[in-house]
Amino acid sequence: IYLRLLRDALPEWEILGWPDAAEAADAVTHVAAWGAPPGFFARFPHLQVVFNLGAGVDSLLQRDDLAASVRIVRLLDAGMAQQMTEYCLYGLLHYQRAMDIYRRQQQAEQWTPRDARRANNLRVSILGLGELGQRVAGDLSGMGYVVQGWSRRARQIEGVDCRHGEAGLDQLLMETDVLFCLLPATQDTRHLLDARRLALLPEGAAIINGGRGSLIDEDALLALLDGESLRFAMLDVFAVEPLPSGHPFWKHPRVIITPHVAADTVPADAVAQIAANLRKHAARLPMDGGVDRLLGY
């Protein structure tokens, strides 16, 4: 589908699919890919730009077949932001309307109604205020939730209480009912939510991770779930994917698992971004979504 869409969007370019591109490797200057096998990019001696067909670029930054001179460009939204809002909202409603508690009551054959909790009495915190995080934060604020956000550097988003820095993160965690993780995987974010920081969350809080599995110390998270300090965790991403058979998360009564599907790339939206960036690059203009290799995003 990407091949057809790219050819339609860029009639002035010669667009090759795989494996046809291998026959013309010397002529290839730009590649759009996701999950390319080891050594794939080394076959293209004149490669200038790699367009990543997703938001996360950590796997590309760890490769040894991409020269430092090759630009890496990530997708900024491509239909993923709305899906992320929907994913977060599902977890929020699960918490707000006590669906996890009612599920346990059902299994115990208990009929115990609970008072409903209003959106404006629920503190939602979002870690990561990039393109996706800003959109999710704004959407949820518009729905009446009390939304806080955290990023490395200071941000300003209408209707969102933005925090930054180490002290800002600790304070935010202590004032959170539902924590939504949307940070990229970098050296700085690995186990950002370690045992100390997870313990800052109030008793009965919940975690939704739609970012990267490396953000959370999974052993520390399991300990809090086992001790019932956290109500539940809704996890889309994991330190090892697919999640290994027999992992404690699979059958944990306080864990909801989804197989890395929180936000999928919409091909038409992705191609529109790639086409616009190709024309900018050809005109020697800055491309949107350029990755800083040192920052990791």
C-alpha atoms as a PDB file:
ATOM      1  CA  ILE A   1       0.000   0.000   0.000  1.00  0.00           C
ATOM      2  CA  TYR A   2       2.862   2.426   0.783  1.00  0.00           C
ATOM      3  CA  LEU A   3       4.387   1.878  -2.644  1.00  0.00           C
ATOM      4  CA  ARG A   4       1.148   2.776  -4.418  1.00  0.00           C
ATOM      5  CA  LEU A   5       0.471   5.791  -2.199  1.00  0.00           C
ATOM      6  CA  LEU A   6       4.019   7.136  -2.578  1.00  0.00           C
ATOM      7  CA  ARG A   7       3.916   6.783  -6.363  1.00  0.00           C
ATOM      8  CA  ASP A   8       0.586   8.614  -6.477  1.00  0.00           C
ATOM      9  CA  ALA A   9       1.838  11.389  -4.178  1.00  0.00           C
ATOM     10  CA  LEU A  10       5.242  11.809  -5.873  1.00  0.00           C
ATOM     11  CA  PRO A  11       4.824  11.326  -9.625  1.00  0.00           C
ATOM     12  CA  GLU A  12       8.029  13.294 -10.262  1.00  0.00           C
ATOM     13  CA  TRP A  13      10.107  10.784  -8.243  1.00  0.00           C
ATOM     14  CA  GLU A  14      11.099   7.244  -9.139  1.00  0.00           C
ATOM     15  CA  ILE A  15       9.714   5.121  -6.321  1.00  0.00           C
ATOM     16  CA  LEU A  16      10.962   1.550  -5.966  1.00  0.00           C
ATOM     17  CA  GLY A  17       9.657  -1.172  -3.706  1.00  0.00           C
ATOM     18  CA  TRP A  18      11.558  -4.056  -2.185  1.00  0.00           C
ATOM     19  CA  PRO A  19      13.238  -6.145  -3.588  1.00  0.00           C
ATOM     20  CA  ASP A  20      13.391  -4.031  -6.782  1.00  0.00           C
ATOM     21  CA  ALA A  21      15.376  -1.361  -4.910  1.00  0.00           C
ATOM     22  CA  ALA A  22      18.207  -3.847  -4.390  1.00  0.00           C
ATOM     23  CA  GLU A  23      18.834  -3.891  -8.150  1.00  0.00           C
ATOM     24  CA  ALA A  24      19.217  -0.103  -8.171  1.00  0.00           C
ATOM     25  CA  ALA A  25      20.996   0.290  -4.818  1.00  0.00           C
ATOM     26  CA  ASP A  26      23.529   2.809  -6.170  1.00  0.00           C
ATOM     27  CA  ALA A  27      20.719   5.162  -7.168  1.00  0.00           C
ATOM     28  CA  VAL A  28      18.764   5.044  -3.900  1.00  0.00           C
ATOM     29  CA  THR A  29      18.985   8.279  -1.901  1.00  0.00           C
ATOM     30  CA  HIS A  30      15.909   8.099   0.364  1.00  0.00           C
ATOM     31  CA  VAL A  31      14.302   5.144   2.139  1.00  0.00           C
ATOM     32  CA  ALA A  32      10.969   4.849   3.964  1.00  0.00           C
ATOM     33  CA  ALA A  33      11.007   1.809   6.228  1.00  0.00           C
ATOM     34  CA  TRP A  34       9.944   0.193   9.474  1.00  0.00           C
ATOM     35  CA  GLY A  35      11.680  -2.752  11.108  1.00  0.00           C
ATOM     36  CA  ALA A  36      14.313  -3.195   8.375  1.00  0.00           C
ATOM     37  CA  PRO A  37      16.510  -6.308   8.897  1.00  0.00           C
ATOM     38  CA  PRO A  38      20.128  -5.982  10.103  1.00  0.00           C
ATOM     39  CA  GLY A  39      22.519  -4.602   7.489  1.00  0.00           C
ATOM     40  CA  PHE A  40      19.672  -3.433   5.250  1.00  0.00           C
ATOM     41  CA  PHE A  41      20.770   0.197   4.895  1.00  0.00           C
ATOM     42  CA  ALA A  42      24.438  -0.603   4.249  1.00  0.00           C
ATOM     43  CA  ARG A  43      23.615  -1.671   0.694  1.00  0.00           C
ATOM     44  CA  PHE A  44      22.755   1.930  -0.294  1.00  0.00           C
ATOM     45  CA  PRO A  45      26.039   3.887  -0.654  1.00  0.00           C
ATOM     46  CA  HIS A  46      24.348   7.200  -1.492  1.00  0.00           C
ATOM     47  CA  LEU A  47      21.645   7.101   1.161  1.00  0.00           C
ATOM     48  CA  GLN A  48      20.775  10.581   2.476  1.00  0.00           C
ATOM     49  CA  VAL A  49      17.552  10.227   4.463  1.00  0.00           C
ATOM     50  CA  VAL A  50      15.607   7.464   6.218  1.00  0.00           C
ATOM     51  CA  PHE A  51      11.933   8.142   6.845  1.00  0.00           C
ATOM     52  CA  ASN A  52      10.791   6.092   9.813  1.00  0.00           C
ATOM     53  CA  LEU A  53       7.254   4.769   9.383  1.00  0.00           C
ATOM     54  CA  GLY A  54       6.438   5.385  13.022  1.00  0.00           C
ATOM     55  CA  ALA A  55       7.069   7.812  15.872  1.00  0.00           C
ATOM     56  CA  GLY A  56       9.712   5.889  17.834  1.00  0.00           C
ATOM     57  CA  VAL A  57      13.252   5.944  16.427  1.00  0.00           C
ATOM     58  CA  ASP A  58      15.192   4.185  19.178  1.00  0.00           C
ATOM     59  CA  SER A  59      15.704   1.049  17.074  1.00  0.00           C
ATOM     60  CA  LEU A  60      17.167   3.118  14.214  1.00  0.00           C
ATOM     61  CA  LEU A  61      19.571   4.956  16.509  1.00  0.00           C
ATOM     62  CA  GLN A  62      20.994   1.650  17.731  1.00  0.00           C
ATOM     63  CA  ARG A  63      21.845   0.335  14.246  1.00  0.00           C
ATOM     64  CA  ASP A  64      25.387  -0.013  12.890  1.00  0.00           C
ATOM     65  CA  ASP A  65      24.395   0.182   9.211  1.00  0.00           C
ATOM     66  CA  LEU A  66      23.358   3.857   9.228  1.00  0.00           C
ATOM     67  CA  ALA A  67      26.175   6.361   8.738  1.00  0.00           C
ATOM     68  CA  ALA A  68      26.137   9.451  10.950  1.00  0.00           C
ATOM     69  CA  SER A  69      25.597  11.548   7.823  1.00  0.00           C
ATOM     70  CA  VAL A  70      22.219   9.920   7.101  1.00  0.00           C
ATOM     71  CA  ARG A  71      19.298  12.011   8.302  1.00  0.00           C
ATOM     72  CA  ILE A  72      16.575  10.209  10.243  1.00  0.00           C
ATOM     73  CA  VAL A  73      13.087  11.674  10.038  1.00  0.00           C
ATOM     74  CA  ARG A  74      10.207  10.488  12.201  1.00  0.00           C
ATOM     75  CA  LEU A  75       6.477  10.842  11.719  1.00  0.00           C
ATOM     76  CA  LEU A  76       4.927  13.610  13.800  1.00  0.00           C
ATOM     77  CA  ASP A  77       1.375  12.298  13.918  1.00  0.00           C
ATOM     78  CA  ALA A  78       0.199  10.345  10.852  1.00  0.00           C
ATOM     79  CA  GLY A  79      -3.144   9.582  12.459  1.00  0.00           C
ATOM     80  CA  MET A  80      -1.553   8.336  15.690  1.00  0.00           C
ATOM     81  CA  ALA A  81      -2.521  11.229  17.995  1.00  0.00           C
ATOM     82  CA  GLN A  82      -6.257  10.550  17.923  1.00  0.00           C
ATOM     83  CA  GLN A  83      -5.613   6.867  18.534  1.00  0.00           C
ATOM     84  CA  MET A  84      -3.410   7.713  21.509  1.00  0.00           C
ATOM     85  CA  THR A  85      -6.169   9.883  22.953  1.00  0.00           C
ATOM     86  CA  GLU A  86      -8.621   7.012  22.506  1.00  0.00           C
ATOM     87  CA  TYR A  87      -6.253   4.541  24.161  1.00  0.00           C
ATOM     88  CA  CYS A  88      -5.669   6.818  27.113  1.00  0.00           C
ATOM     89  CA  LEU A  89      -9.378   7.586  27.402  1.00  0.00           C
ATOM     90  CA  TYR A  90     -10.198   3.880  27.542  1.00  0.00           C
ATOM     91  CA  GLY A  91      -7.830   3.463  30.478  1.00  0.00           C
ATOM     92  CA  LEU A  92      -9.115   6.637  32.121  1.00  0.00           C
ATOM     93  CA  LEU A  93     -12.727   5.494  31.959  1.00  0.00           C
ATOM     94  CA  HIS A  94     -11.719   2.072  33.240  1.00  0.00           C
ATOM     95  CA  TYR A  95     -10.355   3.888  36.292  1.00  0.00           C
ATOM     96  CA  GLN A  96     -12.933   6.648  36.590  1.00  0.00           C
ATOM     97  CA  ARG A  97     -15.943   4.316  36.339  1.00  0.00           C
ATOM     98  CA  ALA A  98     -14.264   1.625  38.503  1.00  0.00           C
ATOM     99  CA  MET A  99     -14.511  -1.049  35.819  1.00  0.00           C
ATOM    100  CA  ASP A 100     -11.516  -2.892  37.293  1.00  0.00           C
ATOM    101  CA  ILE A 101     -13.247  -3.049  40.677  1.00  0.00           C
ATOM    102  CA  TYR A 102     -16.554  -4.134  39.173  1.00  0.00           C
ATOM    103  CA  ARG A 103     -14.721  -6.879  37.288  1.00  0.00           C
ATOM    104  CA  ARG A 104     -13.327  -8.254  40.545  1.00  0.00           C
ATOM    105  CA  GLN A 105     -16.764  -7.943  42.150  1.00  0.00           C
ATOM    106  CA  GLN A 106     -18.291  -9.908  39.272  1.00  0.00           C
ATOM    107  CA  GLN A 107     -15.825 -12.740  39.786  1.00  0.00           C
ATOM    108  CA  ALA A 108     -16.702 -12.760  43.490  1.00  0.00           C
ATOM    109  CA  GLU A 109     -20.470 -12.478  42.744  1.00  0.00           C
ATOM    110  CA  GLN A 110     -20.692  -9.190  44.652  1.00  0.00           C
ATOM    111  CA  TRP A 111     -23.301  -6.498  43.911  1.00  0.00           C
ATOM    112  CA  THR A 112     -21.839  -3.287  45.345  1.00  0.00           C
ATOM    113  CA  PRO A 113     -22.515  -0.033  43.441  1.00  0.00           C
ATOM    114  CA  ARG A 114     -19.973   2.765  43.862  1.00  0.00           C
ATOM    115  CA  ASP A 115     -20.392   6.523  43.628  1.00  0.00           C
ATOM    116  CA  ALA A 116     -19.490   7.861  40.173  1.00  0.00           C
ATOM    117  CA  ARG A 117     -16.390  10.039  39.917  1.00  0.00           C
ATOM    118  CA  ARG A 118     -16.509  13.158  37.756  1.00  0.00           C
ATOM    119  CA  ALA A 119     -13.837  13.965  35.189  1.00  0.00           C
ATOM    120  CA  ASN A 120     -13.032  17.282  36.869  1.00  0.00           C
ATOM    121  CA  ASN A 121     -12.153  15.380  40.038  1.00  0.00           C
ATOM    122  CA  LEU A 122      -9.617  13.122  38.324  1.00  0.00           C
ATOM    123  CA  ARG A 123      -5.955  14.094  38.035  1.00  0.00           C
ATOM    124  CA  VAL A 124      -4.395  12.895  34.787  1.00  0.00           C
ATOM    125  CA  SER A 125      -0.656  13.273  34.217  1.00  0.00           C
ATOM    126  CA  ILE A 126       1.082  12.806  30.879  1.00  0.00           C
ATOM    127  CA  LEU A 127       4.811  12.096  30.674  1.00  0.00           C
ATOM    128  CA  GLY A 128       6.079  13.375  27.347  1.00  0.00           C
ATOM    129  CA  LEU A 129       4.785  16.521  25.659  1.00  0.00           C
ATOM    130  CA  GLY A 130       5.941  16.009  22.093  1.00  0.00           C
ATOM    131  CA  GLU A 131       3.566  16.008  19.134  1.00  0.00           C
ATOM    132  CA  LEU A 132       1.482  13.120  20.467  1.00  0.00           C
ATOM    133  CA  GLY A 133       1.617  14.149  24.122  1.00  0.00           C
ATOM    134  CA  GLN A 134       0.532  17.705  23.437  1.00  0.00           C
ATOM    135  CA  ARG A 135      -2.438  16.506  21.400  1.00  0.00           C
ATOM    136  CA  VAL A 136      -3.519  13.973  24.033  1.00  0.00           C
ATOM    137  CA  ALA A 137      -3.134  16.519  26.838  1.00  0.00           C
ATOM    138  CA  GLY A 138      -5.207  19.086  24.964  1.00  0.00           C
ATOM    139  CA  ASP A 139      -7.900  16.562  24.050  1.00  0.00           C
ATOM    140  CA  LEU A 140      -8.316  15.312  27.610  1.00  0.00           C
ATOM    141  CA  SER A 141      -8.311  18.829  29.034  1.00  0.00           C
ATOM    142  CA  GLY A 142     -11.076  19.688  26.587  1.00  0.00           C
ATOM    143  CA  MET A 143     -13.096  16.768  27.968  1.00  0.00           C
ATOM    144  CA  GLY A 144     -12.980  18.246  31.448  1.00  0.00           C
ATOM    145  CA  TYR A 145     -10.140  16.264  33.009  1.00  0.00           C
ATOM    146  CA  VAL A 146      -7.591  17.947  35.263  1.00  0.00           C
ATOM    147  CA  VAL A 147      -4.476  17.456  33.125  1.00  0.00           C
ATOM    148  CA  GLN A 148      -0.826  17.867  34.058  1.00  0.00           C
ATOM    149  CA  GLY A 149       2.107  17.255  31.755  1.00  0.00           C
ATOM    150  CA  TRP A 150       5.829  16.715  32.154  1.00  0.00           C
ATOM    151  CA  SER A 151       8.743  17.152  29.775  1.00  0.00           C
ATOM    152  CA  ARG A 152      12.504  17.666  30.058  1.00  0.00           C
ATOM    153  CA  ARG A 153      12.200  21.288  28.998  1.00  0.00           C
ATOM    154  CA  ALA A 154       9.514  23.827  29.867  1.00  0.00           C
ATOM    155  CA  ARG A 155       6.358  23.784  27.725  1.00  0.00           C
ATOM    156  CA  GLN A 156       3.167  25.795  27.613  1.00  0.00           C
ATOM    157  CA  ILE A 157      -0.127  24.151  26.631  1.00  0.00           C
ATOM    158  CA  GLU A 158      -3.473  25.843  27.132  1.00  0.00           C
ATOM    159  CA  GLY A 159      -5.501  24.147  29.841  1.00  0.00           C
ATOM    160  CA  VAL A 160      -2.584  21.946  30.945  1.00  0.00           C
ATOM    161  CA  ASP A 161      -0.414  22.408  34.045  1.00  0.00           C
ATOM    162  CA  CYS A 162       3.044  21.816  32.560  1.00  0.00           C
ATOM    163  CA  ARG A 163       5.986  20.718  34.721  1.00  0.00           C
ATOM    164  CA  HIS A 164       9.593  20.053  33.800  1.00  0.00           C
ATOM    165  CA  GLY A 165      12.868  18.933  35.308  1.00  0.00           C
ATOM    166  CA  GLU A 166      13.625  16.378  38.024  1.00  0.00           C
ATOM    167  CA  ALA A 167      11.829  18.210  40.819  1.00  0.00           C
ATOM    168  CA  GLY A 168       8.834  18.834  38.580  1.00  0.00           C
ATOM    169  CA  LEU A 169       8.534  15.115  37.846  1.00  0.00           C
ATOM    170  CA  ASP A 170       8.568  14.081  41.492  1.00  0.00           C
ATOM    171  CA  GLN A 171       5.920  16.660  42.387  1.00  0.00           C
ATOM    172  CA  LEU A 172       3.719  15.666  39.465  1.00  0.00           C
ATOM    173  CA  LEU A 173       3.810  11.980  40.415  1.00  0.00           C
ATOM    174  CA  MET A 174       2.650  12.775  43.941  1.00  0.00           C
ATOM    175  CA  GLU A 175      -0.384  14.612  42.509  1.00  0.00           C
ATOM    176  CA  THR A 176      -1.502  11.945  39.999  1.00  0.00           C
ATOM    177  CA  ASP A 177      -4.461   9.572  39.858  1.00  0.00           C
ATOM    178  CA  VAL A 178      -3.796   8.193  36.372  1.00  0.00           C
ATOM    179  CA  LEU A 179      -0.325   8.396  34.800  1.00  0.00           C
ATOM    180  CA  PHE A 180      -0.068   8.147  31.002  1.00  0.00           C
ATOM    181  CA  CYS A 181       3.452   7.523  29.631  1.00  0.00           C
ATOM    182  CA  LEU A 182       4.311   8.834  26.169  1.00  0.00           C
ATOM    183  CA  LEU A 183       8.051   9.424  26.358  1.00  0.00           C
ATOM    184  CA  PRO A 184      10.482   8.083  23.747  1.00  0.00           C
ATOM    185  CA  ALA A 185      13.120   5.478  24.556  1.00  0.00           C
ATOM    186  CA  THR A 186      16.437   7.208  25.233  1.00  0.00           C
ATOM    187  CA  GLN A 187      19.302   6.777  27.672  1.00  0.00           C
ATOM    188  CA  ASP A 188      17.752   9.504  29.830  1.00  0.00           C
ATOM    189  CA  THR A 189      14.299   7.883  29.936  1.00  0.00           C
ATOM    190  CA  ARG A 190      15.392   4.301  30.624  1.00  0.00           C
ATOM    191  CA  HIS A 191      13.744   3.281  33.915  1.00  0.00           C
ATOM    192  CA  LEU A 192      12.739   6.881  34.492  1.00  0.00           C
ATOM    193  CA  LEU A 193       9.936   5.324  36.497  1.00  0.00           C
ATOM    194  CA  ASP A 194      12.086   3.319  38.889  1.00  0.00           C
ATOM    195  CA  ALA A 195      11.117   1.982  42.317  1.00  0.00           C
ATOM    196  CA  ARG A 196      11.617   5.363  44.016  1.00  0.00           C
ATOM    197  CA  ARG A 197       9.515   7.334  41.555  1.00  0.00           C
ATOM    198  CA  LEU A 198       6.777   4.714  41.257  1.00  0.00           C
ATOM    199  CA  ALA A 199       6.433   4.812  45.037  1.00  0.00           C
ATOM    200  CA  LEU A 200       5.636   8.539  44.811  1.00  0.00           C
ATOM    201  CA  LEU A 201       2.304   7.776  43.147  1.00  0.00           C
ATOM    202  CA  PRO A 202      -0.625   8.004  45.575  1.00  0.00           C
ATOM    203  CA  GLU A 203      -2.219   4.834  46.910  1.00  0.00           C
ATOM    204  CA  GLY A 204      -4.758   3.565  44.376  1.00  0.00           C
ATOM    205  CA  ALA A 205      -3.292   5.318  41.320  1.00  0.00           C
ATOM    206  CA  ALA A 206      -3.096   3.668  37.893  1.00  0.00           C
ATOM    207  CA  ILE A 207      -0.513   3.631  35.095  1.00  0.00           C
ATOM    208  CA  ILE A 208      -1.114   3.541  31.343  1.00  0.00           C
ATOM    209  CA  ASN A 209       1.989   3.042  29.201  1.00  0.00           C
ATOM    210  CA  GLY A 210       1.646   3.768  25.504  1.00  0.00           C
ATOM    211  CA  GLY A 211       5.224   5.027  25.066  1.00  0.00           C
ATOM    212  CA  ARG A 212       8.102   2.561  25.393  1.00  0.00           C
ATOM    213  CA  GLY A 213       8.613  -0.434  27.656  1.00  0.00           C
ATOM    214  CA  SER A 214      12.026   0.760  28.807  1.00  0.00           C
ATOM    215  CA  LEU A 215      10.456   3.712  30.644  1.00  0.00           C
ATOM    216  CA  ILE A 216       9.307   1.564  33.574  1.00  0.00           C
ATOM    217  CA  ASP A 217      11.236  -0.741  35.877  1.00  0.00           C
ATOM    218  CA  GLU A 218       8.930  -3.728  35.405  1.00  0.00           C
ATOM    219  CA  ASP A 219      10.064  -5.504  38.582  1.00  0.00           C
ATOM    220  CA  ALA A 220       9.318  -2.405  40.650  1.00  0.00           C
ATOM    221  CA  LEU A 221       5.925  -2.053  38.961  1.00  0.00           C
ATOM    222  CA  LEU A 222       5.077  -5.697  39.691  1.00  0.00           C
ATOM    223  CA  ALA A 223       5.980  -5.229  43.349  1.00  0.00           C
ATOM    224  CA  LEU A 224       3.546  -2.313  43.692  1.00  0.00           C
ATOM    225  CA  LEU A 225       0.808  -4.206  41.857  1.00  0.00           C
ATOM    226  CA  ASP A 226       1.343  -7.292  44.006  1.00  0.00           C
ATOM    227  CA  GLY A 227       1.140  -5.132  47.116  1.00  0.00           C
ATOM    228  CA  GLU A 228      -2.040  -3.487  45.749  1.00  0.00           C
ATOM    229  CA  SER A 229      -0.522  -0.007  46.100  1.00  0.00           C
ATOM    230  CA  LEU A 230      -1.536   0.591  42.476  1.00  0.00           C
ATOM    231  CA  ARG A 231      -5.065  -0.185  41.310  1.00  0.00           C
ATOM    232  CA  PHE A 232      -3.982  -1.384  37.895  1.00  0.00           C
ATOM    233  CA  ALA A 233      -1.588  -0.940  34.997  1.00  0.00           C
ATOM    234  CA  MET A 234      -2.649  -0.849  31.359  1.00  0.00           C
ATOM    235  CA  LEU A 235       0.419  -1.725  29.288  1.00  0.00           C
ATOM    236  CA  ASP A 236       0.865  -1.586  25.524  1.00  0.00           C
ATOM    237  CA  VAL A 237       4.679  -1.734  25.475  1.00  0.00           C
ATOM    238  CA  PHE A 238       7.234  -3.865  27.280  1.00  0.00           C
ATOM    239  CA  ALA A 239      10.965  -4.231  27.872  1.00  0.00           C
ATOM    240  CA  VAL A 240      10.899  -7.345  25.647  1.00  0.00           C
ATOM    241  CA  GLU A 241       8.383  -7.665  22.809  1.00  0.00           C
ATOM    242  CA  PRO A 242       6.477  -9.822  22.175  1.00  0.00           C
ATOM    243  CA  LEU A 243       5.943 -10.262  25.899  1.00  0.00           C
ATOM    244  CA  PRO A 244       7.535 -13.640  26.733  1.00  0.00           C
ATOM    245  CA  SER A 245       5.350 -16.608  27.591  1.00  0.00           C
ATOM    246  CA  GLY A 246       5.048 -17.055  31.330  1.00  0.00           C
ATOM    247  CA  HIS A 247       5.760 -13.412  32.159  1.00  0.00           C
ATOM    248  CA  PRO A 248       3.902 -12.390  35.369  1.00  0.00           C
ATOM    249  CA  PHE A 249       2.061  -9.619  33.508  1.00  0.00           C
ATOM    250  CA  TRP A 250       0.084 -12.099  31.392  1.00  0.00           C
ATOM    251  CA  LYS A 251      -2.173 -13.362  34.166  1.00  0.00           C
ATOM    252  CA  HIS A 252      -1.827 -10.618  36.728  1.00  0.00           C
ATOM    253  CA  PRO A 253      -5.296  -9.600  37.990  1.00  0.00           C
ATOM    254  CA  ARG A 254      -4.306  -5.911  38.000  1.00  0.00           C
ATOM    255  CA  VAL A 255      -2.736  -5.735  34.536  1.00  0.00           C
ATOM    256  CA  ILE A 256      -4.379  -5.092  31.167  1.00  0.00           C
ATOM    257  CA  ILE A 257      -2.192  -6.044  28.202  1.00  0.00           C
ATOM    258  CA  THR A 258      -2.410  -4.907  24.585  1.00  0.00           C
ATOM    259  CA  PRO A 259       0.150  -5.966  21.916  1.00  0.00           C
ATOM    260  CA  HIS A 260       1.746  -2.598  20.996  1.00  0.00           C
ATOM    261  CA  VAL A 261      -1.375  -1.316  19.245  1.00  0.00           C
ATOM    262  CA  ALA A 262      -2.093   1.939  21.106  1.00  0.00           C
ATOM    263  CA  ALA A 263      -1.529   3.980  17.935  1.00  0.00           C
ATOM    264  CA  ASP A 264      -0.861   2.563  14.490  1.00  0.00           C
ATOM    265  CA  THR A 265       0.480   4.579  11.575  1.00  0.00           C
ATOM    266  CA  VAL A 266      -2.206   5.578   9.053  1.00  0.00           C
ATOM    267  CA  PRO A 267      -0.554   5.009   5.629  1.00  0.00           C
ATOM    268  CA  ALA A 268      -2.210   7.925   3.799  1.00  0.00           C
ATOM    269  CA  ASP A 269      -1.247  10.390   6.538  1.00  0.00           C
ATOM    270  CA  ALA A 270       2.300   9.031   6.709  1.00  0.00           C
ATOM    271  CA  VAL A 271       2.781   9.308   2.960  1.00  0.00           C
ATOM    272  CA  ALA A 272       1.509  12.899   2.946  1.00  0.00           C
ATOM    273  CA  GLN A 273       4.212  13.811   5.505  1.00  0.00           C
ATOM    274  CA  ILE A 274       6.931  11.931   3.649  1.00  0.00           C
ATOM    275  CA  ALA A 275       6.007  13.545   0.324  1.00  0.00           C
ATOM    276  CA  ALA A 276       6.046  17.024   1.862  1.00  0.00           C
ATOM    277  CA  ASN A 277       9.426  16.363   3.475  1.00  0.00           C
ATOM    278  CA  LEU A 278      10.921  14.953   0.274  1.00  0.00           C
ATOM    279  CA  ARG A 279      10.021  18.136  -1.573  1.00  0.00           C
ATOM    280  CA  LYS A 280      11.444  20.249   1.268  1.00  0.00           C
ATOM    281  CA  HIS A 281      14.672  18.279   1.228  1.00  0.00           C
ATOM    282  CA  ALA A 282      14.968  18.616  -2.540  1.00  0.00           C
ATOM    283  CA  ALA A 283      14.505  22.386  -2.142  1.00  0.00           C
ATOM    284  CA  ARG A 284      17.144  22.435   0.655  1.00  0.00           C
ATOM    285  CA  LEU A 285      14.546  23.421   3.239  1.00  0.00           C
ATOM    286  CA  PRO A 286      14.344  22.007   6.797  1.00  0.00           C
ATOM    287  CA  MET A 287      12.257  18.845   7.082  1.00  0.00           C
ATOM    288  CA  ASP A 288       9.614  18.340   9.775  1.00  0.00           C
ATOM    289  CA  GLY A 289      10.363  15.586  12.266  1.00  0.00           C
ATOM    290  CA  GLY A 290      14.147  15.586  11.916  1.00  0.00           C
ATOM    291  CA  VAL A 291      15.761  13.495  14.667  1.00  0.00           C
ATOM    292  CA  ASP A 292      18.536  14.791  16.900  1.00  0.00           C
ATOM    293  CA  ARG A 293      20.734  11.721  17.373  1.00  0.00           C
ATOM    294  CA  LEU A 294      22.158  13.038  20.647  1.00  0.00           C
ATOM    295  CA  LEU A 295      18.732  13.635  22.196  1.00  0.00           C
ATOM    296  CA  GLY A 296      17.306  10.425  20.754  1.00  0.00           C
ATOM    297  CA  TYR A 297      14.161  11.979  19.228  1.00  0.00           C
END
